Amino acid sequence: MTEAQAKKKAPAAKKETAAKKPSGKTLKVTQIRSPNNREEWQRSTLIGLGLNKMNRSRVLEDTPSVRGMINSVKHLVKVEDAA
């Protein structure tokens, strides 16, 4: 076995990735209502925000895309500044 073949068989070292911290302003979004009996796109939007059960919260970066998602399901969530 050559040295090149030995390197190919060796397992690759996994890179440690730190949790991605949001830079700038953040929002705390809490799901306050159930998506039952709602349109499927509303359930999908909640999942996109990282919410899937009642009273769960996420701290999200304040970007236009997140604001748009929150605006489309504003009757299902509560938004606070996470200062």
N, C-alpha and C. Protein backbone atom coordinates (compact mmCIF):
# COMPACT_ATOMS: atom_id res chain seq x y z
N MET A 1 0.86 -1.18 0.00
CA MET A 1 0.00 0.00 0.00
C MET A 1 0.90 1.23 0.00
N THR A 2 0.62 2.13 -0.92
CA THR A 2 1.44 3.35 -1.01
C THR A 2 0.94 4.39 -0.02
N GLU A 3 1.72 5.42 0.14
CA GLU A 3 1.35 6.48 1.09
C GLU A 3 0.09 7.21 0.64
N ALA A 4 -0.10 7.38 -0.66
CA ALA A 4 -1.29 8.06 -1.18
C ALA A 4 -2.55 7.23 -0.88
N GLN A 5 -2.44 5.91 -1.00
CA GLN A 5 -3.59 5.06 -0.72
C GLN A 5 -3.93 5.07 0.76
N ALA A 6 -2.92 5.14 1.61
CA ALA A 6 -3.14 5.19 3.05
C ALA A 6 -3.87 6.46 3.44
N LYS A 7 -3.54 7.57 2.79
CA LYS A 7 -4.21 8.84 3.10
C LYS A 7 -5.67 8.80 2.68
N LYS A 8 -5.96 8.11 1.58
CA LYS A 8 -7.34 8.03 1.11
C LYS A 8 -8.21 7.23 2.07
N LYS A 9 -7.64 6.20 2.68
CA LYS A 9 -8.40 5.34 3.57
C LYS A 9 -8.57 5.93 4.97
N ALA A 10 -7.71 6.86 5.34
CA ALA A 10 -7.80 7.45 6.67
C ALA A 10 -9.06 8.31 6.76
N PRO A 11 -9.79 8.22 7.88
CA PRO A 11 -11.01 9.04 8.01
C PRO A 11 -10.65 10.52 8.10
N ALA A 12 -11.47 11.31 7.45
CA ALA A 12 -11.23 12.75 7.45
C ALA A 12 -11.59 13.32 8.82
N ALA A 13 -10.78 14.24 9.28
CA ALA A 13 -11.05 14.89 10.57
C ALA A 13 -12.22 15.85 10.39
N LYS A 14 -13.16 15.78 11.31
CA LYS A 14 -14.31 16.68 11.24
C LYS A 14 -13.92 18.05 11.77
N LYS A 15 -14.35 19.07 11.06
CA LYS A 15 -14.10 20.43 11.51
C LYS A 15 -15.14 20.81 12.55
N GLU A 16 -14.68 21.40 13.61
CA GLU A 16 -15.62 21.85 14.64
C GLU A 16 -16.19 23.19 14.21
N THR A 17 -17.50 23.24 14.16
CA THR A 17 -18.15 24.49 13.79
C THR A 17 -18.86 25.05 15.01
N ALA A 18 -18.56 26.28 15.29
CA ALA A 18 -19.22 26.94 16.41
C ALA A 18 -20.65 27.30 16.01
N ALA A 19 -21.53 27.40 16.98
CA ALA A 19 -22.91 27.79 16.70
C ALA A 19 -22.90 29.18 16.07
N LYS A 20 -23.66 29.34 15.02
CA LYS A 20 -23.69 30.60 14.30
C LYS A 20 -24.43 31.64 15.13
N LYS A 21 -23.72 32.64 15.57
CA LYS A 21 -24.34 33.70 16.36
C LYS A 21 -24.80 34.81 15.43
N PRO A 22 -26.01 35.29 15.61
CA PRO A 22 -26.49 36.37 14.77
C PRO A 22 -25.75 37.67 15.06
N SER A 23 -25.39 38.35 14.01
CA SER A 23 -24.71 39.64 14.18
C SER A 23 -25.74 40.75 13.97
N GLY A 24 -25.70 41.75 14.81
CA GLY A 24 -26.64 42.84 14.69
C GLY A 24 -27.89 42.62 15.52
N LYS A 25 -29.00 43.19 15.07
CA LYS A 25 -30.24 43.14 15.82
C LYS A 25 -30.90 41.77 15.71
N THR A 26 -31.49 41.33 16.81
CA THR A 26 -32.16 40.02 16.82
C THR A 26 -33.60 40.17 17.31
N LEU A 27 -34.40 39.18 16.97
CA LEU A 27 -35.81 39.13 17.38
C LEU A 27 -36.07 37.81 18.07
N LYS A 28 -36.89 37.84 19.11
CA LYS A 28 -37.33 36.61 19.77
C LYS A 28 -38.74 36.34 19.28
N VAL A 29 -38.92 35.20 18.61
CA VAL A 29 -40.21 34.83 18.03
C VAL A 29 -40.73 33.62 18.79
N THR A 30 -41.97 33.72 19.30
CA THR A 30 -42.59 32.65 20.06
C THR A 30 -43.89 32.25 19.38
N GLN A 31 -44.10 30.95 19.19
CA GLN A 31 -45.35 30.47 18.61
C GLN A 31 -46.41 30.46 19.70
N ILE A 32 -47.53 31.16 19.46
CA ILE A 32 -48.58 31.25 20.47
C ILE A 32 -49.87 30.55 20.04
N ARG A 33 -49.97 30.17 18.78
CA ARG A 33 -51.17 29.48 18.30
C ARG A 33 -50.77 28.27 17.45
N SER A 34 -51.68 27.33 17.36
CA SER A 34 -51.43 26.10 16.62
C SER A 34 -51.72 26.30 15.13
N PRO A 35 -50.94 25.63 14.26
CA PRO A 35 -51.23 25.72 12.82
C PRO A 35 -52.31 24.73 12.37
N ASN A 36 -52.97 24.05 13.30
CA ASN A 36 -54.05 23.14 12.92
C ASN A 36 -55.17 23.90 12.23
N ASN A 37 -55.74 23.29 11.22
CA ASN A 37 -56.83 23.88 10.43
C ASN A 37 -56.42 25.17 9.74
N ARG A 38 -55.14 25.29 9.44
CA ARG A 38 -54.62 26.45 8.68
C ARG A 38 -54.11 25.93 7.34
N GLU A 39 -53.81 26.86 6.45
CA GLU A 39 -53.25 26.49 5.16
C GLU A 39 -51.87 25.84 5.35
N GLU A 40 -51.47 24.97 4.43
CA GLU A 40 -50.19 24.26 4.52
C GLU A 40 -49.01 25.22 4.47
N TRP A 41 -49.13 26.32 3.72
CA TRP A 41 -48.01 27.25 3.62
C TRP A 41 -47.74 27.95 4.95
N GLN A 42 -48.77 28.08 5.79
CA GLN A 42 -48.55 28.69 7.11
C GLN A 42 -47.77 27.74 8.00
N ARG A 43 -48.07 26.46 7.96
CA ARG A 43 -47.32 25.46 8.71
C ARG A 43 -45.86 25.44 8.23
N SER A 44 -45.67 25.50 6.91
CA SER A 44 -44.33 25.50 6.35
C SER A 44 -43.55 26.74 6.76
N THR A 45 -44.21 27.87 6.84
CA THR A 45 -43.55 29.10 7.27
C THR A 45 -43.09 28.99 8.72
N LEU A 46 -43.92 28.42 9.58
CA LEU A 46 -43.53 28.22 10.97
C LEU A 46 -42.31 27.30 11.06
N ILE A 47 -42.29 26.25 10.28
CA ILE A 47 -41.15 25.35 10.27
C ILE A 47 -39.91 26.08 9.76
N GLY A 48 -40.08 26.93 8.78
CA GLY A 48 -38.97 27.74 8.27
C GLY A 48 -38.40 28.69 9.31
N LEU A 49 -39.26 29.14 10.21
CA LEU A 49 -38.80 29.99 11.31
C LEU A 49 -38.20 29.18 12.45
N GLY A 50 -38.30 27.86 12.37
CA GLY A 50 -37.76 26.99 13.41
C GLY A 50 -38.74 26.72 14.53
N LEU A 51 -40.01 26.95 14.27
CA LEU A 51 -41.05 26.71 15.28
C LEU A 51 -41.93 25.56 14.82
N ASN A 52 -42.27 24.65 15.74
CA ASN A 52 -43.17 23.57 15.36
C ASN A 52 -44.09 23.14 16.49
N LYS A 53 -43.92 23.70 17.67
CA LYS A 53 -44.80 23.37 18.78
C LYS A 53 -45.13 24.64 19.54
N MET A 54 -46.25 24.58 20.25
CA MET A 54 -46.73 25.74 20.99
C MET A 54 -45.72 26.20 22.04
N ASN A 55 -45.64 27.49 22.23
CA ASN A 55 -44.80 28.15 23.24
C ASN A 55 -43.30 27.90 23.07
N ARG A 56 -42.87 27.52 21.89
CA ARG A 56 -41.44 27.40 21.60
C ARG A 56 -40.96 28.73 21.08
N SER A 57 -39.74 29.09 21.44
CA SER A 57 -39.17 30.37 21.03
C SER A 57 -37.88 30.16 20.27
N ARG A 58 -37.58 31.11 19.40
CA ARG A 58 -36.32 31.13 18.67
C ARG A 58 -35.83 32.57 18.64
N VAL A 59 -34.53 32.74 18.71
CA VAL A 59 -33.92 34.06 18.53
C VAL A 59 -33.38 34.08 17.12
N LEU A 60 -33.91 34.99 16.30
CA LEU A 60 -33.57 35.06 14.88
C LEU A 60 -32.98 36.41 14.54
N GLU A 61 -32.15 36.44 13.53
CA GLU A 61 -31.56 37.68 13.06
C GLU A 61 -32.64 38.51 12.36
N ASP A 62 -32.60 39.81 12.57
CA ASP A 62 -33.60 40.71 12.00
C ASP A 62 -33.21 41.04 10.56
N THR A 63 -33.72 40.23 9.63
CA THR A 63 -33.47 40.45 8.20
C THR A 63 -34.81 40.63 7.50
N PRO A 64 -34.80 41.20 6.30
CA PRO A 64 -36.06 41.36 5.58
C PRO A 64 -36.77 40.04 5.30
N SER A 65 -36.04 38.97 5.04
CA SER A 65 -36.69 37.69 4.77
C SER A 65 -37.38 37.14 6.02
N VAL A 66 -36.74 37.28 7.18
CA VAL A 66 -37.35 36.82 8.43
C VAL A 66 -38.56 37.69 8.75
N ARG A 67 -38.45 38.98 8.54
CA ARG A 67 -39.59 39.88 8.78
C ARG A 67 -40.77 39.51 7.90
N GLY A 68 -40.52 39.15 6.64
CA GLY A 68 -41.59 38.75 5.74
C GLY A 68 -42.27 37.47 6.19
N MET A 69 -41.47 36.51 6.66
CA MET A 69 -42.04 35.26 7.16
C MET A 69 -42.89 35.51 8.40
N ILE A 70 -42.39 36.36 9.30
CA ILE A 70 -43.15 36.69 10.51
C ILE A 70 -44.45 37.39 10.14
N ASN A 71 -44.38 38.28 9.17
CA ASN A 71 -45.57 39.03 8.76
C ASN A 71 -46.63 38.11 8.18
N SER A 72 -46.22 37.03 7.51
CA SER A 72 -47.21 36.13 6.90
C SER A 72 -47.90 35.25 7.93
N VAL A 73 -47.31 35.07 9.11
CA VAL A 73 -47.95 34.26 10.16
C VAL A 73 -48.05 35.05 11.47
N LYS A 74 -48.27 36.34 11.34
CA LYS A 74 -48.28 37.21 12.53
C LYS A 74 -49.41 36.87 13.50
N HIS A 75 -50.45 36.19 13.02
CA HIS A 75 -51.55 35.78 13.90
C HIS A 75 -51.22 34.52 14.70
N LEU A 76 -50.09 33.87 14.39
CA LEU A 76 -49.68 32.64 15.08
C LEU A 76 -48.48 32.83 16.00
N VAL A 77 -47.82 33.99 15.92
CA VAL A 77 -46.58 34.18 16.67
C VAL A 77 -46.60 35.50 17.44
N LYS A 78 -45.71 35.58 18.43
CA LYS A 78 -45.50 36.81 19.19
C LYS A 78 -44.03 37.20 18.99
N VAL A 79 -43.78 38.47 18.71
CA VAL A 79 -42.42 38.93 18.41
C VAL A 79 -41.99 39.93 19.47
N GLU A 80 -40.75 39.75 19.97
CA GLU A 80 -40.16 40.66 20.94
C GLU A 80 -38.74 40.99 20.48
N ASP A 81 -38.23 42.13 20.91
CA ASP A 81 -36.82 42.44 20.67
C ASP A 81 -35.99 41.62 21.62
N ALA A 82 -34.97 40.96 21.11
CA ALA A 82 -34.10 40.14 21.96
C ALA A 82 -32.83 40.92 22.28
N ALA A 83 -33.01 42.10 22.84
CA ALA A 83 -31.86 42.96 23.15
C ALA A 83 -31.10 42.40 24.27
